[in-house]
Amino acid sequence: MKTTFVALIALPLVVTLSACGDTWGERAVTGGGLGAGTGLVIGAVAGWPLLAPVLVGTAVGAGIGAATTPKQ
């Protein structure tokens, strides 16, 4: 139950903060960093091995950051 609650709180936060920057590359890098941090926290709270959540968080954060780059 606690893991689900943390995941439900962290997911909107990651989506909101994953795209900080002006260019495609900046947004991908900052999104990846925020996703890695969030994956680390979720993995630690859930008691999972930490590598997989960090890699997944990095990939998702970078993807969201790059995909939400404003058209210039």
PDB file of N, CA and C in Angstrom:
ATOM      1  N   MET A   1       0.821  -1.191   0.000  1.00  0.00           N
ATOM      2  CA  MET A   1       0.000   0.000   0.000  1.00  0.00           C
ATOM      3  C   MET A   1       0.868   1.258   0.000  1.00  0.00           C
ATOM      4  N   LYS A   2       1.927   1.256   0.822  1.00  0.00           N
ATOM      5  CA  LYS A   2       2.807   2.416   0.903  1.00  0.00           C
ATOM      6  C   LYS A   2       3.513   2.654  -0.433  1.00  0.00           C
ATOM      7  N   THR A   3       3.922   1.577  -1.092  1.00  0.00           N
ATOM      8  CA  THR A   3       4.601   1.698  -2.376  1.00  0.00           C
ATOM      9  C   THR A   3       3.680   2.311  -3.420  1.00  0.00           C
ATOM     10  N   THR A   4       2.450   1.888  -3.456  1.00  0.00           N
ATOM     11  CA  THR A   4       1.486   2.436  -4.402  1.00  0.00           C
ATOM     12  C   THR A   4       1.259   3.915  -4.146  1.00  0.00           C
ATOM     13  N   PHE A   5       1.142   4.280  -2.884  1.00  0.00           N
ATOM     14  CA  PHE A   5       0.932   5.683  -2.521  1.00  0.00           C
ATOM     15  C   PHE A   5       2.111   6.540  -2.966  1.00  0.00           C
ATOM     16  N   VAL A   6       3.328   6.073  -2.705  1.00  0.00           N
ATOM     17  CA  VAL A   6       4.523   6.826  -3.113  1.00  0.00           C
ATOM     18  C   VAL A   6       4.585   6.940  -4.627  1.00  0.00           C
ATOM     19  N   ALA A   7       4.270   5.875  -5.340  1.00  0.00           N
ATOM     20  CA  ALA A   7       4.299   5.908  -6.801  1.00  0.00           C
ATOM     21  C   ALA A   7       3.252   6.889  -7.347  1.00  0.00           C
ATOM     22  N   LEU A   8       2.084   6.915  -6.751  1.00  0.00           N
ATOM     23  CA  LEU A   8       1.038   7.826  -7.214  1.00  0.00           C
ATOM     24  C   LEU A   8       1.383   9.284  -6.936  1.00  0.00           C
ATOM     25  N   ILE A   9       2.130   9.536  -5.888  1.00  0.00           N
ATOM     26  CA  ILE A   9       2.563  10.899  -5.582  1.00  0.00           C
ATOM     27  C   ILE A   9       3.745  11.292  -6.468  1.00  0.00           C
ATOM     28  N   ALA A  10       4.684  10.392  -6.687  1.00  0.00           N
ATOM     29  CA  ALA A  10       5.905  10.710  -7.421  1.00  0.00           C
ATOM     30  C   ALA A  10       5.669  10.847  -8.923  1.00  0.00           C
ATOM     31  N   LEU A  11       4.762  10.077  -9.498  1.00  0.00           N
ATOM     32  CA  LEU A  11       4.563  10.108 -10.944  1.00  0.00           C
ATOM     33  C   LEU A  11       4.134  11.479 -11.459  1.00  0.00           C
ATOM     34  N   PRO A  12       3.122  12.118 -10.888  1.00  0.00           N
ATOM     35  CA  PRO A  12       2.793  13.464 -11.385  1.00  0.00           C
ATOM     36  C   PRO A  12       3.919  14.470 -11.183  1.00  0.00           C
ATOM     37  N   LEU A  13       4.671  14.316 -10.102  1.00  0.00           N
ATOM     38  CA  LEU A  13       5.796  15.209  -9.857  1.00  0.00           C
ATOM     39  C   LEU A  13       6.856  15.047 -10.940  1.00  0.00           C
ATOM     40  N   VAL A  14       7.146  13.822 -11.303  1.00  0.00           N
ATOM     41  CA  VAL A  14       8.140  13.558 -12.348  1.00  0.00           C
ATOM     42  C   VAL A  14       7.671  14.120 -13.689  1.00  0.00           C
ATOM     43  N   VAL A  15       6.420  13.898 -14.013  1.00  0.00           N
ATOM     44  CA  VAL A  15       5.893  14.384 -15.283  1.00  0.00           C
ATOM     45  C   VAL A  15       5.919  15.910 -15.324  1.00  0.00           C
ATOM     46  N   THR A  16       5.613  16.540 -14.215  1.00  0.00           N
ATOM     47  CA  THR A  16       5.601  18.001 -14.164  1.00  0.00           C
ATOM     48  C   THR A  16       6.999  18.582 -14.275  1.00  0.00           C
ATOM     49  N   LEU A  17       7.957  17.991 -13.600  1.00  0.00           N
ATOM     50  CA  LEU A  17       9.298  18.554 -13.528  1.00  0.00           C
ATOM     51  C   LEU A  17      10.265  18.003 -14.566  1.00  0.00           C
ATOM     52  N   SER A  18       9.829  17.052 -15.377  1.00  0.00           N
ATOM     53  CA  SER A  18      10.779  16.357 -16.241  1.00  0.00           C
ATOM     54  C   SER A  18      11.270  17.179 -17.414  1.00  0.00           C
ATOM     55  N   ALA A  19      10.687  18.307 -17.681  1.00  0.00           N
ATOM     56  CA  ALA A  19      11.055  19.050 -18.876  1.00  0.00           C
ATOM     57  C   ALA A  19      11.507  20.465 -18.537  1.00  0.00           C
ATOM     58  N   CYS A  20      12.608  20.588 -17.845  1.00  0.00           N
ATOM     59  CA  CYS A  20      13.152  21.901 -17.516  1.00  0.00           C
ATOM     60  C   CYS A  20      14.244  22.238 -18.527  1.00  0.00           C
ATOM     61  N   GLY A  21      14.098  23.314 -19.237  1.00  0.00           N
ATOM     62  CA  GLY A  21      15.063  23.732 -20.241  1.00  0.00           C
ATOM     63  C   GLY A  21      14.358  24.279 -21.463  1.00  0.00           C
ATOM     64  N   ASP A  22      15.149  24.849 -22.355  1.00  0.00           N
ATOM     65  CA  ASP A  22      14.569  25.461 -23.545  1.00  0.00           C
ATOM     66  C   ASP A  22      14.746  24.623 -24.803  1.00  0.00           C
ATOM     67  N   THR A  23      15.849  23.908 -24.910  1.00  0.00           N
ATOM     68  CA  THR A  23      16.106  23.129 -26.127  1.00  0.00           C
ATOM     69  C   THR A  23      15.775  21.659 -25.897  1.00  0.00           C
ATOM     70  N   TRP A  24      15.717  20.932 -26.995  1.00  0.00           N
ATOM     71  CA  TRP A  24      15.427  19.500 -26.941  1.00  0.00           C
ATOM     72  C   TRP A  24      16.441  18.777 -26.048  1.00  0.00           C
ATOM     73  N   GLY A  25      17.721  19.065 -26.240  1.00  0.00           N
ATOM     74  CA  GLY A  25      18.769  18.394 -25.469  1.00  0.00           C
ATOM     75  C   GLY A  25      18.721  18.731 -23.990  1.00  0.00           C
ATOM     76  N   GLU A  26      18.510  20.005 -23.659  1.00  0.00           N
ATOM     77  CA  GLU A  26      18.423  20.399 -22.251  1.00  0.00           C
ATOM     78  C   GLU A  26      17.267  19.690 -21.557  1.00  0.00           C
ATOM     79  N   ARG A  27      16.138  19.639 -22.224  1.00  0.00           N
ATOM     80  CA  ARG A  27      14.965  19.014 -21.630  1.00  0.00           C
ATOM     81  C   ARG A  27      15.154  17.509 -21.481  1.00  0.00           C
ATOM     82  N   ALA A  28      15.818  16.880 -22.428  1.00  0.00           N
ATOM     83  CA  ALA A  28      16.080  15.442 -22.323  1.00  0.00           C
ATOM     84  C   ALA A  28      17.038  15.147 -21.168  1.00  0.00           C
ATOM     85  N   VAL A  29      18.083  15.952 -21.024  1.00  0.00           N
ATOM     86  CA  VAL A  29      19.065  15.721 -19.960  1.00  0.00           C
ATOM     87  C   VAL A  29      18.462  15.978 -18.585  1.00  0.00           C
ATOM     88  N   THR A  30      17.766  17.100 -18.422  1.00  0.00           N
ATOM     89  CA  THR A  30      17.182  17.386 -17.111  1.00  0.00           C
ATOM     90  C   THR A  30      16.065  16.398 -16.792  1.00  0.00           C
ATOM     91  N   GLY A  31      15.300  16.010 -17.788  1.00  0.00           N
ATOM     92  CA  GLY A  31      14.270  15.003 -17.562  1.00  0.00           C
ATOM     93  C   GLY A  31      14.866  13.674 -17.151  1.00  0.00           C
ATOM     94  N   GLY A  32      15.962  13.292 -17.795  1.00  0.00           N
ATOM     95  CA  GLY A  32      16.636  12.052 -17.422  1.00  0.00           C
ATOM     96  C   GLY A  32      17.179  12.092 -16.009  1.00  0.00           C
ATOM     97  N   GLY A  33      17.734  13.231 -15.615  1.00  0.00           N
ATOM     98  CA  GLY A  33      18.245  13.369 -14.247  1.00  0.00           C
ATOM     99  C   GLY A  33      17.145  13.296 -13.207  1.00  0.00           C
ATOM    100  N   LEU A  34      16.064  13.985 -13.466  1.00  0.00           N
ATOM    101  CA  LEU A  34      14.939  13.940 -12.524  1.00  0.00           C
ATOM    102  C   LEU A  34      14.311  12.550 -12.479  1.00  0.00           C
ATOM    103  N   GLY A  35      14.223  11.912 -13.628  1.00  0.00           N
ATOM    104  CA  GLY A  35      13.688  10.553 -13.668  1.00  0.00           C
ATOM    105  C   GLY A  35      14.572   9.560 -12.927  1.00  0.00           C
ATOM    106  N   ALA A  36      15.880   9.730 -13.045  1.00  0.00           N
ATOM    107  CA  ALA A  36      16.802   8.848 -12.323  1.00  0.00           C
ATOM    108  C   ALA A  36      16.648   9.018 -10.819  1.00  0.00           C
ATOM    109  N   GLY A  37      16.543  10.255 -10.374  1.00  0.00           N
ATOM    110  CA  GLY A  37      16.355  10.512  -8.942  1.00  0.00           C
ATOM    111  C   GLY A  37      15.048   9.941  -8.433  1.00  0.00           C
ATOM    112  N   THR A  38      14.007  10.107  -9.203  1.00  0.00           N
ATOM    113  CA  THR A  38      12.704   9.580  -8.796  1.00  0.00           C
ATOM    114  C   THR A  38      12.712   8.056  -8.787  1.00  0.00           C
ATOM    115  N   GLY A  39      13.327   7.453  -9.796  1.00  0.00           N
ATOM    116  CA  GLY A  39      13.442   5.999  -9.820  1.00  0.00           C
ATOM    117  C   GLY A  39      14.226   5.473  -8.630  1.00  0.00           C
ATOM    118  N   LEU A  40      15.264   6.192  -8.246  1.00  0.00           N
ATOM    119  CA  LEU A  40      16.058   5.798  -7.087  1.00  0.00           C
ATOM    120  C   LEU A  40      15.222   5.838  -5.813  1.00  0.00           C
ATOM    121  N   VAL A  41      14.467   6.901  -5.647  1.00  0.00           N
ATOM    122  CA  VAL A  41      13.629   7.034  -4.448  1.00  0.00           C
ATOM    123  C   VAL A  41      12.558   5.953  -4.412  1.00  0.00           C
ATOM    124  N   ILE A  42      11.884   5.750  -5.523  1.00  0.00           N
ATOM    125  CA  ILE A  42      10.829   4.735  -5.549  1.00  0.00           C
ATOM    126  C   ILE A  42      11.402   3.342  -5.313  1.00  0.00           C
ATOM    127  N   GLY A  43      12.538   3.045  -5.942  1.00  0.00           N
ATOM    128  CA  GLY A  43      13.170   1.740  -5.720  1.00  0.00           C
ATOM    129  C   GLY A  43      13.606   1.540  -4.285  1.00  0.00           C
ATOM    130  N   ALA A  44      14.139   2.588  -3.656  1.00  0.00           N
ATOM    131  CA  ALA A  44      14.582   2.478  -2.266  1.00  0.00           C
ATOM    132  C   ALA A  44      13.406   2.299  -1.320  1.00  0.00           C
ATOM    133  N   VAL A  45      12.341   3.048  -1.541  1.00  0.00           N
ATOM    134  CA  VAL A  45      11.168   2.937  -0.676  1.00  0.00           C
ATOM    135  C   VAL A  45      10.503   1.576  -0.840  1.00  0.00           C
ATOM    136  N   ALA A  46      10.472   1.080  -2.071  1.00  0.00           N
ATOM    137  CA  ALA A  46       9.832  -0.208  -2.334  1.00  0.00           C
ATOM    138  C   ALA A  46      10.705  -1.389  -1.933  1.00  0.00           C
ATOM    139  N   GLY A  47      11.988  -1.155  -1.710  1.00  0.00           N
ATOM    140  CA  GLY A  47      12.887  -2.235  -1.333  1.00  0.00           C
ATOM    141  C   GLY A  47      13.382  -3.053  -2.516  1.00  0.00           C
ATOM    142  N   TRP A  48      13.308  -2.486  -3.714  1.00  0.00           N
ATOM    143  CA  TRP A  48      13.766  -3.177  -4.912  1.00  0.00           C
ATOM    144  C   TRP A  48      15.264  -2.957  -5.083  1.00  0.00           C
ATOM    145  N   PRO A  49      15.929  -3.813  -5.902  1.00  0.00           N
ATOM    146  CA  PRO A  49      17.300  -3.485  -6.313  1.00  0.00           C
ATOM    147  C   PRO A  49      17.263  -2.141  -7.045  1.00  0.00           C
ATOM    148  N   LEU A  50      18.253  -1.294  -6.840  1.00  0.00           N
ATOM    149  CA  LEU A  50      18.146   0.093  -7.278  1.00  0.00           C
ATOM    150  C   LEU A  50      18.465   0.346  -8.747  1.00  0.00           C
ATOM    151  N   LEU A  51      19.192  -0.527  -9.401  1.00  0.00           N
ATOM    152  CA  LEU A  51      19.610  -0.255 -10.773  1.00  0.00           C
ATOM    153  C   LEU A  51      18.439  -0.175 -11.750  1.00  0.00           C
ATOM    154  N   ALA A  52      17.528  -1.116 -11.712  1.00  0.00           N
ATOM    155  CA  ALA A  52      16.417  -1.139 -12.673  1.00  0.00           C
ATOM    156  C   ALA A  52      15.523   0.096 -12.558  1.00  0.00           C
ATOM    157  N   PRO A  53      15.075   0.490 -11.357  1.00  0.00           N
ATOM    158  CA  PRO A  53      14.242   1.691 -11.283  1.00  0.00           C
ATOM    159  C   PRO A  53      14.966   2.957 -11.745  1.00  0.00           C
ATOM    160  N   VAL A  54      16.259   3.040 -11.497  1.00  0.00           N
ATOM    161  CA  VAL A  54      17.023   4.209 -11.949  1.00  0.00           C
ATOM    162  C   VAL A  54      17.091   4.246 -13.472  1.00  0.00           C
ATOM    163  N   LEU A  55      17.351   3.108 -14.101  1.00  0.00           N
ATOM    164  CA  LEU A  55      17.424   3.066 -15.565  1.00  0.00           C
ATOM    165  C   LEU A  55      16.074   3.371 -16.209  1.00  0.00           C
ATOM    166  N   VAL A  56      15.018   2.808 -15.649  1.00  0.00           N
ATOM    167  CA  VAL A  56      13.685   3.068 -16.190  1.00  0.00           C
ATOM    168  C   VAL A  56      13.310   4.535 -15.987  1.00  0.00           C
ATOM    169  N   GLY A  57      13.582   5.071 -14.794  1.00  0.00           N
ATOM    170  CA  GLY A  57      13.292   6.480 -14.527  1.00  0.00           C
ATOM    171  C   GLY A  57      14.056   7.405 -15.451  1.00  0.00           C
ATOM    172  N   THR A  58      15.307   7.082 -15.715  1.00  0.00           N
ATOM    173  CA  THR A  58      16.118   7.894 -16.630  1.00  0.00           C
ATOM    174  C   THR A  58      15.532   7.884 -18.033  1.00  0.00           C
ATOM    175  N   ALA A  59      15.185   6.714 -18.519  1.00  0.00           N
ATOM    176  CA  ALA A  59      14.638   6.602 -19.871  1.00  0.00           C
ATOM    177  C   ALA A  59      13.290   7.319 -20.002  1.00  0.00           C
ATOM    178  N   VAL A  60      12.423   7.128 -19.022  1.00  0.00           N
ATOM    179  CA  VAL A  60      11.105   7.770 -19.074  1.00  0.00           C
ATOM    180  C   VAL A  60      11.236   9.280 -18.946  1.00  0.00           C
ATOM    181  N   GLY A  61      12.048   9.740 -18.000  1.00  0.00           N
ATOM    182  CA  GLY A  61      12.234  11.183 -17.823  1.00  0.00           C
ATOM    183  C   GLY A  61      12.834  11.850 -19.039  1.00  0.00           C
ATOM    184  N   ALA A  62      13.846  11.225 -19.632  1.00  0.00           N
ATOM    185  CA  ALA A  62      14.460  11.791 -20.839  1.00  0.00           C
ATOM    186  C   ALA A  62      13.476  11.802 -21.997  1.00  0.00           C
ATOM    187  N   GLY A  63      12.708  10.750 -22.122  1.00  0.00           N
ATOM    188  CA  GLY A  63      11.717  10.687 -23.196  1.00  0.00           C
ATOM    189  C   GLY A  63      10.642  11.748 -23.051  1.00  0.00           C
ATOM    190  N   ILE A  64      10.134  11.923 -21.842  1.00  0.00           N
ATOM    191  CA  ILE A  64       9.108  12.938 -21.616  1.00  0.00           C
ATOM    192  C   ILE A  64       9.692  14.328 -21.825  1.00  0.00           C
ATOM    193  N   GLY A  65      10.881  14.550 -21.325  1.00  0.00           N
ATOM    194  CA  GLY A  65      11.518  15.860 -21.498  1.00  0.00           C
ATOM    195  C   GLY A  65      11.730  16.198 -22.957  1.00  0.00           C
ATOM    196  N   ALA A  66      12.213  15.235 -23.733  1.00  0.00           N
ATOM    197  CA  ALA A  66      12.446  15.481 -25.152  1.00  0.00           C
ATOM    198  C   ALA A  66      11.143  15.632 -25.928  1.00  0.00           C
ATOM    199  N   ALA A  67      10.149  14.861 -25.548  1.00  0.00           N
ATOM    200  CA  ALA A  67       8.875  14.897 -26.278  1.00  0.00           C
ATOM    201  C   ALA A  67       8.079  16.165 -26.024  1.00  0.00           C
ATOM    202  N   THR A  68       8.337  16.823 -24.917  1.00  0.00           N
ATOM    203  CA  THR A  68       7.541  18.012 -24.583  1.00  0.00           C
ATOM    204  C   THR A  68       8.267  19.318 -24.904  1.00  0.00           C
ATOM    205  N   THR A  69       9.254  19.256 -25.773  1.00  0.00           N
ATOM    206  CA  THR A  69       9.952  20.476 -26.178  1.00  0.00           C
ATOM    207  C   THR A  69       9.001  21.360 -26.974  1.00  0.00           C
ATOM    208  N   PRO A  70       8.891  22.631 -26.606  1.00  0.00           N
ATOM    209  CA  PRO A  70       7.985  23.511 -27.351  1.00  0.00           C
ATOM    210  C   PRO A  70       8.486  23.763 -28.769  1.00  0.00           C
ATOM    211  N   LYS A  71       7.552  23.923 -29.672  1.00  0.00           N
ATOM    212  CA  LYS A  71       7.900  24.227 -31.055  1.00  0.00           C
ATOM    213  C   LYS A  71       8.429  25.659 -31.130  1.00  0.00           C
ATOM    214  N   GLN A  72       9.548  25.847 -31.842  1.00  0.00           N
ATOM    215  CA  GLN A  72      10.138  27.183 -31.906  1.00  0.00           C
ATOM    216  C   GLN A  72      10.034  27.750 -33.284  1.00  0.00           C
TER     217      GLN A  72
END
